[in-house]
Amino acid sequence: MDLKRKLVEGDRPVGGWCAVPSPGVAEALATADFDFVTVDTEHSAATAESVENMLRAIEAAPGDAEALVRVADVEPARIKRVLDAGPSAIMAPQIDSPAAARELVELCRYPPQAASENGSGDDPAGPGDPADSTDPGERVDADGYRGRRGVAGSRASDFGRRLDGYLRSGADDIAVIAQIETPRAVEAAGEIAAVPGIDALFVGPADLSASLGRFGEYDHPAFVDVVEETIAAANDEGVPVGTLATSDELIDRWVEAGYDYLIAGTDIGFLSVGADRAIERYEGQL
């Protein structure tokens, strides 16, 4: 899985957005030269089964596109099912504090005792750390996380065939992305970015502008200021910030604004724009 590496190393990856819960649509997007395809489960009719099939389709497509899944909220069972499907990255909306970011990361990690007891026997937190406690409920990893992801043989671990190795290293390969969508989140952006295990931030432009009372006014000084503030705060912590562009103009605007990666269009947008252009072309010939 290269997406986490590309984000961390500043390779400026570009992705597409898939809101239609269809393996065929996901596969079609993955055949483009995207670094990743985002499978949305917040504003879509996607189910756990459709998400898993969409991930299969993305992996089966020619090219190197990887799957990022946007969950509907930070809910343990929901996140567990998404991670068990085997994405390269997970993104959660409405992360507006360091505490919310830590909860997200903790839900994405296995308990350290599961990783050590099913692996080499080495304690991931090292000698003398709280992970050496005889009370499993007190054991934490090197970042202070107890880990709340449930252990089970799933697609992510080849249905348990490589469960031991996955428990030890699987979480290290998954990028964890926090969405910034409110003024409160902007104020805490640097602290959120500094939370161990948060690999990137993602500004939701529609929700953030709406929360400012300036929906869609991306050139308004109030919106421009909070974007600049978010990018600067996260970059100071060495964490990249991305956003969604739904037009050519927005791609240019967001690159100029200094975003580190982009989701450059949606399945619905591509369909709508293509259809409108074809109709306009046809009617222009009559």
C-alpha atoms as a PDB file:
ATOM      1  CA  MET A   1       0.000   0.000   0.000  1.00  0.00           C
ATOM      2  CA  ASP A   2       1.667   3.212  -1.222  1.00  0.00           C
ATOM      3  CA  LEU A   3      -0.969   5.862  -0.466  1.00  0.00           C
ATOM      4  CA  LYS A   4       0.188   6.448   3.106  1.00  0.00           C
ATOM      5  CA  ARG A   5       3.784   6.745   1.938  1.00  0.00           C
ATOM      6  CA  LYS A   6       2.808   9.218  -0.802  1.00  0.00           C
ATOM      7  CA  LEU A   7       0.953  11.376   1.694  1.00  0.00           C
ATOM      8  CA  VAL A   8       3.693  11.279   4.305  1.00  0.00           C
ATOM      9  CA  GLU A   9       6.500  11.881   1.808  1.00  0.00           C
ATOM     10  CA  GLY A  10       4.744  14.765   0.058  1.00  0.00           C
ATOM     11  CA  ASP A  11       4.208  13.125  -3.324  1.00  0.00           C
ATOM     12  CA  ARG A  12       0.983  15.161  -3.843  1.00  0.00           C
ATOM     13  CA  PRO A  13      -1.338  12.275  -4.820  1.00  0.00           C
ATOM     14  CA  VAL A  14      -4.583  12.848  -6.698  1.00  0.00           C
ATOM     15  CA  GLY A  15      -7.779  10.868  -6.304  1.00  0.00           C
ATOM     16  CA  GLY A  16     -11.332  10.515  -7.522  1.00  0.00           C
ATOM     17  CA  TRP A  17     -14.574  10.361  -5.546  1.00  0.00           C
ATOM     18  CA  CYS A  18     -17.120   7.557  -5.796  1.00  0.00           C
ATOM     19  CA  ALA A  19     -20.543   8.175  -4.239  1.00  0.00           C
ATOM     20  CA  VAL A  20     -22.468   5.709  -6.405  1.00  0.00           C
ATOM     21  CA  PRO A  21     -22.282   2.389  -4.503  1.00  0.00           C
ATOM     22  CA  SER A  22     -21.353   0.367  -7.573  1.00  0.00           C
ATOM     23  CA  PRO A  23     -18.295  -1.855  -8.131  1.00  0.00           C
ATOM     24  CA  GLY A  24     -18.506  -1.005 -11.831  1.00  0.00           C
ATOM     25  CA  VAL A  25     -18.327   2.728 -11.207  1.00  0.00           C
ATOM     26  CA  ALA A  26     -15.478   2.271  -8.725  1.00  0.00           C
ATOM     27  CA  GLU A  27     -13.577   0.106 -11.197  1.00  0.00           C
ATOM     28  CA  ALA A  28     -14.133   2.599 -14.016  1.00  0.00           C
ATOM     29  CA  LEU A  29     -12.685   5.415 -11.891  1.00  0.00           C
ATOM     30  CA  ALA A  30      -9.761   3.210 -10.896  1.00  0.00           C
ATOM     31  CA  THR A  31      -8.842   2.668 -14.554  1.00  0.00           C
ATOM     32  CA  ALA A  32      -7.971   6.373 -14.749  1.00  0.00           C
ATOM     33  CA  ASP A  33      -4.523   7.411 -13.584  1.00  0.00           C
ATOM     34  CA  PHE A  34      -5.693   8.249 -10.065  1.00  0.00           C
ATOM     35  CA  ASP A  35      -3.495   7.408  -7.105  1.00  0.00           C
ATOM     36  CA  PHE A  36      -6.615   6.542  -5.115  1.00  0.00           C
ATOM     37  CA  VAL A  37     -10.386   6.313  -5.351  1.00  0.00           C
ATOM     38  CA  THR A  38     -12.471   7.517  -2.415  1.00  0.00           C
ATOM     39  CA  VAL A  39     -15.467   5.347  -1.573  1.00  0.00           C
ATOM     40  CA  ASP A  40     -17.997   7.528   0.221  1.00  0.00           C
ATOM     41  CA  THR A  41     -20.272   6.016   2.832  1.00  0.00           C
ATOM     42  CA  GLU A  42     -21.467   9.217   4.513  1.00  0.00           C
ATOM     43  CA  HIS A  43     -23.567  10.724   1.726  1.00  0.00           C
ATOM     44  CA  SER A  44     -24.341   7.580  -0.251  1.00  0.00           C
ATOM     45  CA  ALA A  45     -26.397   4.399  -0.087  1.00  0.00           C
ATOM     46  CA  ALA A  46     -23.282   2.259   0.373  1.00  0.00           C
ATOM     47  CA  THR A  47     -23.507  -0.810   2.605  1.00  0.00           C
ATOM     48  CA  ALA A  48     -20.748  -2.905   4.157  1.00  0.00           C
ATOM     49  CA  GLU A  49     -21.183  -5.417   1.338  1.00  0.00           C
ATOM     50  CA  SER A  50     -21.081  -2.835  -1.455  1.00  0.00           C
ATOM     51  CA  VAL A  51     -17.987  -1.218   0.063  1.00  0.00           C
ATOM     52  CA  GLU A  52     -16.171  -4.549   0.127  1.00  0.00           C
ATOM     53  CA  ASN A  53     -17.120  -5.239  -3.501  1.00  0.00           C
ATOM     54  CA  MET A  54     -16.047  -1.751  -4.552  1.00  0.00           C
ATOM     55  CA  LEU A  55     -12.651  -2.321  -2.948  1.00  0.00           C
ATOM     56  CA  ARG A  56     -12.313  -5.579  -4.868  1.00  0.00           C
ATOM     57  CA  ALA A  57     -13.142  -3.725  -8.082  1.00  0.00           C
ATOM     58  CA  ILE A  58     -10.594  -0.976  -7.433  1.00  0.00           C
ATOM     59  CA  GLU A  59      -7.893  -3.551  -6.770  1.00  0.00           C
ATOM     60  CA  ALA A  60      -8.829  -5.537  -9.883  1.00  0.00           C
ATOM     61  CA  ALA A  61      -8.647  -2.524 -12.187  1.00  0.00           C
ATOM     62  CA  PRO A  62      -5.514  -1.960 -14.258  1.00  0.00           C
ATOM     63  CA  GLY A  63      -3.211   0.644 -12.759  1.00  0.00           C
ATOM     64  CA  ASP A  64      -2.158   1.406  -9.207  1.00  0.00           C
ATOM     65  CA  ALA A  65      -5.171   3.174  -7.720  1.00  0.00           C
ATOM     66  CA  GLU A  66      -5.798   2.369  -4.061  1.00  0.00           C
ATOM     67  CA  ALA A  67      -8.978   2.644  -2.012  1.00  0.00           C
ATOM     68  CA  LEU A  68      -9.773   5.308   0.574  1.00  0.00           C
ATOM     69  CA  VAL A  69     -13.071   4.906   2.444  1.00  0.00           C
ATOM     70  CA  ARG A  70     -14.849   7.883   4.002  1.00  0.00           C
ATOM     71  CA  VAL A  71     -16.913   6.645   6.941  1.00  0.00           C
ATOM     72  CA  ALA A  72     -20.152   8.282   8.043  1.00  0.00           C
ATOM     73  CA  ASP A  73     -18.957   8.963  11.584  1.00  0.00           C
ATOM     74  CA  VAL A  74     -16.539   7.811  14.271  1.00  0.00           C
ATOM     75  CA  GLU A  75     -18.509   4.789  15.411  1.00  0.00           C
ATOM     76  CA  PRO A  76     -16.633   1.642  16.501  1.00  0.00           C
ATOM     77  CA  ALA A  77     -18.641  -0.999  14.622  1.00  0.00           C
ATOM     78  CA  ARG A  78     -18.750   1.075  11.437  1.00  0.00           C
ATOM     79  CA  ILE A  79     -15.001   1.706  11.427  1.00  0.00           C
ATOM     80  CA  LYS A  80     -14.270  -1.922  12.271  1.00  0.00           C
ATOM     81  CA  ARG A  81     -16.272  -3.173   9.267  1.00  0.00           C
ATOM     82  CA  VAL A  82     -14.612  -0.702   6.910  1.00  0.00           C
ATOM     83  CA  LEU A  83     -11.102  -1.615   8.043  1.00  0.00           C
ATOM     84  CA  ASP A  84     -11.885  -5.321   7.809  1.00  0.00           C
ATOM     85  CA  ALA A  85     -12.732  -4.771   4.132  1.00  0.00           C
ATOM     86  CA  GLY A  86      -9.070  -3.838   3.536  1.00  0.00           C
ATOM     87  CA  PRO A  87      -8.771  -0.211   2.340  1.00  0.00           C
ATOM     88  CA  SER A  88      -5.479   1.647   2.086  1.00  0.00           C
ATOM     89  CA  ALA A  89      -6.879   4.645   3.950  1.00  0.00           C
ATOM     90  CA  ILE A  90      -9.816   5.709   6.082  1.00  0.00           C
ATOM     91  CA  MET A  91     -11.243   9.215   6.451  1.00  0.00           C
ATOM     92  CA  ALA A  92     -13.713  10.434   9.060  1.00  0.00           C
ATOM     93  CA  PRO A  93     -15.846  13.609   8.985  1.00  0.00           C
ATOM     94  CA  GLN A  94     -16.358  16.260  11.654  1.00  0.00           C
ATOM     95  CA  ILE A  95     -13.101  15.789  13.536  1.00  0.00           C
ATOM     96  CA  ASP A  96     -12.971  19.055  15.478  1.00  0.00           C
ATOM     97  CA  SER A  97     -10.660  18.366  18.431  1.00  0.00           C
ATOM     98  CA  PRO A  98      -7.535  16.411  19.383  1.00  0.00           C
ATOM     99  CA  ALA A  99      -9.727  14.144  21.515  1.00  0.00           C
ATOM    100  CA  ALA A 100     -11.886  13.269  18.503  1.00  0.00           C
ATOM    101  CA  ALA A 101      -8.749  12.609  16.450  1.00  0.00           C
ATOM    102  CA  ARG A 102      -7.327  10.325  19.141  1.00  0.00           C
ATOM    103  CA  GLU A 103     -10.584   8.390  19.276  1.00  0.00           C
ATOM    104  CA  LEU A 104     -10.431   7.876  15.517  1.00  0.00           C
ATOM    105  CA  VAL A 105      -6.863   6.587  15.643  1.00  0.00           C
ATOM    106  CA  GLU A 106      -7.565   4.330  18.624  1.00  0.00           C
ATOM    107  CA  LEU A 107     -10.458   2.716  16.762  1.00  0.00           C
ATOM    108  CA  CYS A 108      -8.092   1.975  13.885  1.00  0.00           C
ATOM    109  CA  ARG A 109      -5.521   0.185  16.037  1.00  0.00           C
ATOM    110  CA  TYR A 110      -5.476  -3.268  17.564  1.00  0.00           C
ATOM    111  CA  PRO A 111      -4.814  -3.667  21.286  1.00  0.00           C
ATOM    112  CA  PRO A 112      -1.038  -3.968  21.755  1.00  0.00           C
ATOM    113  CA  GLN A 113      -1.412  -7.294  23.567  1.00  0.00           C
ATOM    114  CA  ALA A 114      -3.155  -8.741  20.487  1.00  0.00           C
ATOM    115  CA  ALA A 115      -0.314  -7.620  18.260  1.00  0.00           C
ATOM    116  CA  SER A 116       2.377  -8.997  20.556  1.00  0.00           C
ATOM    117  CA  GLU A 117       0.764 -12.251  21.622  1.00  0.00           C
ATOM    118  CA  ASN A 118      -0.133 -13.229  18.063  1.00  0.00           C
ATOM    119  CA  GLY A 119       3.197 -12.167  16.658  1.00  0.00           C
ATOM    120  CA  SER A 120       6.808 -12.459  17.662  1.00  0.00           C
ATOM    121  CA  GLY A 121       6.108 -12.022  21.363  1.00  0.00           C
ATOM    122  CA  ASP A 122       7.808  -8.616  21.381  1.00  0.00           C
ATOM    123  CA  ASP A 123       5.936  -5.911  23.252  1.00  0.00           C
ATOM    124  CA  PRO A 124       5.282  -3.052  20.803  1.00  0.00           C
ATOM    125  CA  ALA A 125       5.579  -0.445  23.547  1.00  0.00           C
ATOM    126  CA  GLY A 126       8.906  -1.762  24.760  1.00  0.00           C
ATOM    127  CA  PRO A 127      10.168  -2.733  28.219  1.00  0.00           C
ATOM    128  CA  GLY A 128       9.110  -0.500  31.053  1.00  0.00           C
ATOM    129  CA  ASP A 129       6.160   0.934  29.159  1.00  0.00           C
ATOM    130  CA  PRO A 130       2.539   0.732  30.358  1.00  0.00           C
ATOM    131  CA  ALA A 131       2.115  -2.117  27.896  1.00  0.00           C
ATOM    132  CA  ASP A 132       3.992  -4.284  30.408  1.00  0.00           C
ATOM    133  CA  SER A 133       1.099  -3.993  32.850  1.00  0.00           C
ATOM    134  CA  THR A 134      -0.438  -7.257  34.009  1.00  0.00           C
ATOM    135  CA  ASP A 135      -3.870  -5.681  33.525  1.00  0.00           C
ATOM    136  CA  PRO A 136      -4.706  -5.944  29.788  1.00  0.00           C
ATOM    137  CA  GLY A 137      -7.018  -2.964  30.136  1.00  0.00           C
ATOM    138  CA  GLU A 138      -4.032  -0.780  31.051  1.00  0.00           C
ATOM    139  CA  ARG A 139      -1.748  -1.838  28.218  1.00  0.00           C
ATOM    140  CA  VAL A 140      -1.023   0.844  25.625  1.00  0.00           C
ATOM    141  CA  ASP A 141       1.215   1.107  22.590  1.00  0.00           C
ATOM    142  CA  ALA A 142       4.133   3.504  22.103  1.00  0.00           C
ATOM    143  CA  ASP A 143       1.726   6.346  21.262  1.00  0.00           C
ATOM    144  CA  GLY A 144      -0.387   5.748  24.345  1.00  0.00           C
ATOM    145  CA  TYR A 145      -3.271   3.994  22.573  1.00  0.00           C
ATOM    146  CA  ARG A 146      -5.048   0.984  24.043  1.00  0.00           C
ATOM    147  CA  GLY A 147      -6.362   0.053  20.614  1.00  0.00           C
ATOM    148  CA  ARG A 148     -10.053  -0.692  20.169  1.00  0.00           C
ATOM    149  CA  ARG A 149     -10.158  -2.502  16.852  1.00  0.00           C
ATOM    150  CA  GLY A 150     -11.580  -5.983  17.234  1.00  0.00           C
ATOM    151  CA  VAL A 151      -9.538  -8.977  16.137  1.00  0.00           C
ATOM    152  CA  ALA A 152     -11.024 -11.257  13.484  1.00  0.00           C
ATOM    153  CA  GLY A 153     -10.048 -13.001  10.296  1.00  0.00           C
ATOM    154  CA  SER A 154     -11.330 -10.728   7.514  1.00  0.00           C
ATOM    155  CA  ARG A 155     -10.589  -9.675   3.978  1.00  0.00           C
ATOM    156  CA  ALA A 156      -7.885  -7.298   5.243  1.00  0.00           C
ATOM    157  CA  SER A 157      -5.899 -10.271   6.629  1.00  0.00           C
ATOM    158  CA  ASP A 158      -6.699 -12.662   3.765  1.00  0.00           C
ATOM    159  CA  PHE A 159      -9.547 -14.038   5.874  1.00  0.00           C
ATOM    160  CA  GLY A 160      -7.208 -14.874   8.720  1.00  0.00           C
ATOM    161  CA  ARG A 161      -4.482 -16.601   6.694  1.00  0.00           C
ATOM    162  CA  ARG A 162      -1.998 -13.849   7.575  1.00  0.00           C
ATOM    163  CA  LEU A 163      -3.674 -12.625  10.743  1.00  0.00           C
ATOM    164  CA  ASP A 164      -0.519 -12.793  12.876  1.00  0.00           C
ATOM    165  CA  GLY A 165       1.463 -10.526  10.567  1.00  0.00           C
ATOM    166  CA  TYR A 166      -1.476  -8.209   9.977  1.00  0.00           C
ATOM    167  CA  LEU A 167      -1.984  -7.683  13.704  1.00  0.00           C
ATOM    168  CA  ARG A 168       1.628  -6.572  14.015  1.00  0.00           C
ATOM    169  CA  SER A 169       1.922  -4.328  10.967  1.00  0.00           C
ATOM    170  CA  GLY A 170      -1.446  -3.866   9.253  1.00  0.00           C
ATOM    171  CA  ALA A 171      -2.295  -0.585  10.965  1.00  0.00           C
ATOM    172  CA  ASP A 172       1.063   0.855   9.914  1.00  0.00           C
ATOM    173  CA  ASP A 173       0.014   0.649   6.251  1.00  0.00           C
ATOM    174  CA  ILE A 174      -3.367   2.378   6.632  1.00  0.00           C
ATOM    175  CA  ALA A 175      -3.518   6.162   6.289  1.00  0.00           C
ATOM    176  CA  VAL A 176      -5.830   7.831   8.811  1.00  0.00           C
ATOM    177  CA  ILE A 177      -7.305  11.133   7.638  1.00  0.00           C
ATOM    178  CA  ALA A 178      -9.276  13.653   9.701  1.00  0.00           C
ATOM    179  CA  GLN A 179     -11.770  15.977   8.043  1.00  0.00           C
ATOM    180  CA  ILE A 180     -11.782  19.661   9.003  1.00  0.00           C
ATOM    181  CA  GLU A 181     -15.260  21.093   8.513  1.00  0.00           C
ATOM    182  CA  THR A 182     -15.994  23.656  11.249  1.00  0.00           C
ATOM    183  CA  PRO A 183     -14.420  26.819  12.711  1.00  0.00           C
ATOM    184  CA  ARG A 184     -13.687  24.840  15.881  1.00  0.00           C
ATOM    185  CA  ALA A 185     -11.767  22.276  13.841  1.00  0.00           C
ATOM    186  CA  VAL A 186      -9.808  25.045  12.115  1.00  0.00           C
ATOM    187  CA  GLU A 187      -8.799  26.491  15.483  1.00  0.00           C
ATOM    188  CA  ALA A 188      -7.581  23.055  16.569  1.00  0.00           C
ATOM    189  CA  ALA A 189      -6.060  22.042  13.218  1.00  0.00           C
ATOM    190  CA  GLY A 190      -2.482  22.096  14.457  1.00  0.00           C
ATOM    191  CA  GLU A 191      -3.336  20.072  17.554  1.00  0.00           C
ATOM    192  CA  ILE A 192      -5.336  17.582  15.474  1.00  0.00           C
ATOM    193  CA  ALA A 193      -2.439  17.202  13.026  1.00  0.00           C
ATOM    194  CA  ALA A 194      -0.068  16.602  15.947  1.00  0.00           C
ATOM    195  CA  VAL A 195      -2.064  13.627  17.234  1.00  0.00           C
ATOM    196  CA  PRO A 196       0.054  10.480  16.734  1.00  0.00           C
ATOM    197  CA  GLY A 197      -1.450   8.342  13.991  1.00  0.00           C
ATOM    198  CA  ILE A 198      -3.157  11.159  12.073  1.00  0.00           C
ATOM    199  CA  ASP A 199      -1.493  11.033   8.657  1.00  0.00           C
ATOM    200  CA  ALA A 200      -3.358  13.813   6.849  1.00  0.00           C
ATOM    201  CA  LEU A 201      -6.122  16.385   7.158  1.00  0.00           C
ATOM    202  CA  PHE A 202      -8.867  16.954   4.617  1.00  0.00           C
ATOM    203  CA  VAL A 203     -10.826  20.190   4.348  1.00  0.00           C
ATOM    204  CA  GLY A 204     -14.473  19.603   3.436  1.00  0.00           C
ATOM    205  CA  PRO A 205     -15.058  22.807   1.443  1.00  0.00           C
ATOM    206  CA  ALA A 206     -18.840  22.620   1.300  1.00  0.00           C
ATOM    207  CA  ASP A 207     -19.350  21.944   5.013  1.00  0.00           C
ATOM    208  CA  LEU A 208     -16.647  24.380   6.115  1.00  0.00           C
ATOM    209  CA  SER A 209     -17.992  27.225   3.988  1.00  0.00           C
ATOM    210  CA  ALA A 210     -21.542  26.453   5.167  1.00  0.00           C
ATOM    211  CA  SER A 211     -20.430  26.511   8.808  1.00  0.00           C
ATOM    212  CA  LEU A 212     -19.057  30.003   8.171  1.00  0.00           C
ATOM    213  CA  GLY A 213     -22.370  31.134   6.693  1.00  0.00           C
ATOM    214  CA  ARG A 214     -20.717  31.419   3.273  1.00  0.00           C
ATOM    215  CA  PHE A 215     -21.724  28.233   1.497  1.00  0.00           C
ATOM    216  CA  GLY A 216     -19.834  27.825  -1.764  1.00  0.00           C
ATOM    217  CA  GLU A 217     -18.200  31.262  -1.495  1.00  0.00           C
ATOM    218  CA  TYR A 218     -14.696  29.909  -1.815  1.00  0.00           C
ATOM    219  CA  ASP A 219     -13.231  33.293  -2.719  1.00  0.00           C
ATOM    220  CA  HIS A 220     -14.688  35.003   0.366  1.00  0.00           C
ATOM    221  CA  PRO A 221     -11.929  36.336   2.655  1.00  0.00           C
ATOM    222  CA  ALA A 222     -13.349  34.473   5.672  1.00  0.00           C
ATOM    223  CA  PHE A 223     -13.091  31.145   3.848  1.00  0.00           C
ATOM    224  CA  VAL A 224      -9.703  31.915   2.332  1.00  0.00           C
ATOM    225  CA  ASP A 225      -8.365  32.813   5.776  1.00  0.00           C
ATOM    226  CA  VAL A 226      -9.461  29.571   7.466  1.00  0.00           C
ATOM    227  CA  VAL A 227      -8.033  27.484   4.615  1.00  0.00           C
ATOM    228  CA  GLU A 228      -4.700  29.262   4.915  1.00  0.00           C
ATOM    229  CA  GLU A 229      -4.792  28.821   8.692  1.00  0.00           C
ATOM    230  CA  THR A 230      -5.528  25.105   8.427  1.00  0.00           C
ATOM    231  CA  ILE A 231      -2.833  24.375   5.864  1.00  0.00           C
ATOM    232  CA  ALA A 232      -0.202  26.379   7.750  1.00  0.00           C
ATOM    233  CA  ALA A 233      -1.016  24.771  11.112  1.00  0.00           C
ATOM    234  CA  ALA A 234      -0.958  21.213   9.742  1.00  0.00           C
ATOM    235  CA  ASN A 235       2.152  21.752   7.628  1.00  0.00           C
ATOM    236  CA  ASP A 236       3.950  23.087  10.719  1.00  0.00           C
ATOM    237  CA  GLU A 237       3.363  19.616  12.174  1.00  0.00           C
ATOM    238  CA  GLY A 238       4.584  17.960   8.977  1.00  0.00           C
ATOM    239  CA  VAL A 239       1.066  16.785   8.054  1.00  0.00           C
ATOM    240  CA  PRO A 240      -0.394  17.254   4.544  1.00  0.00           C
ATOM    241  CA  VAL A 241      -3.795  18.807   3.876  1.00  0.00           C
ATOM    242  CA  GLY A 242      -6.105  17.961   0.977  1.00  0.00           C
ATOM    243  CA  THR A 243      -9.530  18.909  -0.291  1.00  0.00           C
ATOM    244  CA  LEU A 244     -12.144  18.180  -2.948  1.00  0.00           C
ATOM    245  CA  ALA A 245     -12.268  19.954  -6.307  1.00  0.00           C
ATOM    246  CA  THR A 246     -15.436  19.623  -8.392  1.00  0.00           C
ATOM    247  CA  SER A 247     -14.392  21.720 -11.410  1.00  0.00           C
ATOM    248  CA  ASP A 248     -11.362  22.732 -13.443  1.00  0.00           C
ATOM    249  CA  GLU A 249     -11.499  26.170 -11.832  1.00  0.00           C
ATOM    250  CA  LEU A 250     -11.421  24.666  -8.351  1.00  0.00           C
ATOM    251  CA  ILE A 251      -8.483  22.413  -9.215  1.00  0.00           C
ATOM    252  CA  ASP A 252      -6.517  25.525 -10.176  1.00  0.00           C
ATOM    253  CA  ARG A 253      -7.735  27.449  -7.112  1.00  0.00           C
ATOM    254  CA  TRP A 254      -6.871  24.706  -4.632  1.00  0.00           C
ATOM    255  CA  VAL A 255      -3.408  24.077  -6.081  1.00  0.00           C
ATOM    256  CA  GLU A 256      -2.715  27.807  -5.831  1.00  0.00           C
ATOM    257  CA  ALA A 257      -4.027  27.797  -2.245  1.00  0.00           C
ATOM    258  CA  GLY A 258      -1.275  25.348  -1.308  1.00  0.00           C
ATOM    259  CA  TYR A 259      -3.128  22.079  -0.729  1.00  0.00           C
ATOM    260  CA  ASP A 260      -0.861  19.041  -0.645  1.00  0.00           C
ATOM    261  CA  TYR A 261      -3.211  16.585  -2.369  1.00  0.00           C
ATOM    262  CA  LEU A 262      -6.581  16.671  -4.111  1.00  0.00           C
ATOM    263  CA  ILE A 263      -9.646  14.637  -4.858  1.00  0.00           C
ATOM    264  CA  ALA A 264     -10.156  16.022  -8.352  1.00  0.00           C
ATOM    265  CA  GLY A 265     -13.758  15.262  -9.198  1.00  0.00           C
ATOM    266  CA  THR A 266     -16.665  12.963  -8.387  1.00  0.00           C
ATOM    267  CA  ASP A 267     -18.452  10.197 -10.236  1.00  0.00           C
ATOM    268  CA  ILE A 268     -21.715  12.168 -10.221  1.00  0.00           C
ATOM    269  CA  GLY A 269     -19.892  15.280 -11.404  1.00  0.00           C
ATOM    270  CA  PHE A 270     -18.167  13.461 -14.248  1.00  0.00           C
ATOM    271  CA  LEU A 271     -21.503  11.999 -15.395  1.00  0.00           C
ATOM    272  CA  SER A 272     -23.343  15.312 -15.171  1.00  0.00           C
ATOM    273  CA  VAL A 273     -20.684  17.386 -16.898  1.00  0.00           C
ATOM    274  CA  GLY A 274     -20.223  14.818 -19.659  1.00  0.00           C
ATOM    275  CA  ALA A 275     -23.959  14.574 -20.256  1.00  0.00           C
ATOM    276  CA  ASP A 276     -24.428  18.350 -20.323  1.00  0.00           C
ATOM    277  CA  ARG A 277     -21.547  18.815 -22.766  1.00  0.00           C
ATOM    278  CA  ALA A 278     -22.915  16.145 -25.105  1.00  0.00           C
ATOM    279  CA  ILE A 279     -26.402  17.685 -25.096  1.00  0.00           C
ATOM    280  CA  GLU A 280     -25.005  21.160 -25.671  1.00  0.00           C
ATOM    281  CA  ARG A 281     -22.860  19.894 -28.534  1.00  0.00           C
ATOM    282  CA  TYR A 282     -25.788  18.117 -30.150  1.00  0.00           C
ATOM    283  CA  GLU A 283     -28.173  21.025 -29.826  1.00  0.00           C
ATOM    284  CA  GLY A 284     -25.519  23.360 -31.239  1.00  0.00           C
ATOM    285  CA  GLN A 285     -25.543  21.363 -34.465  1.00  0.00           C
ATOM    286  CA  LEU A 286     -29.286  21.630 -35.038  1.00  0.00           C
END
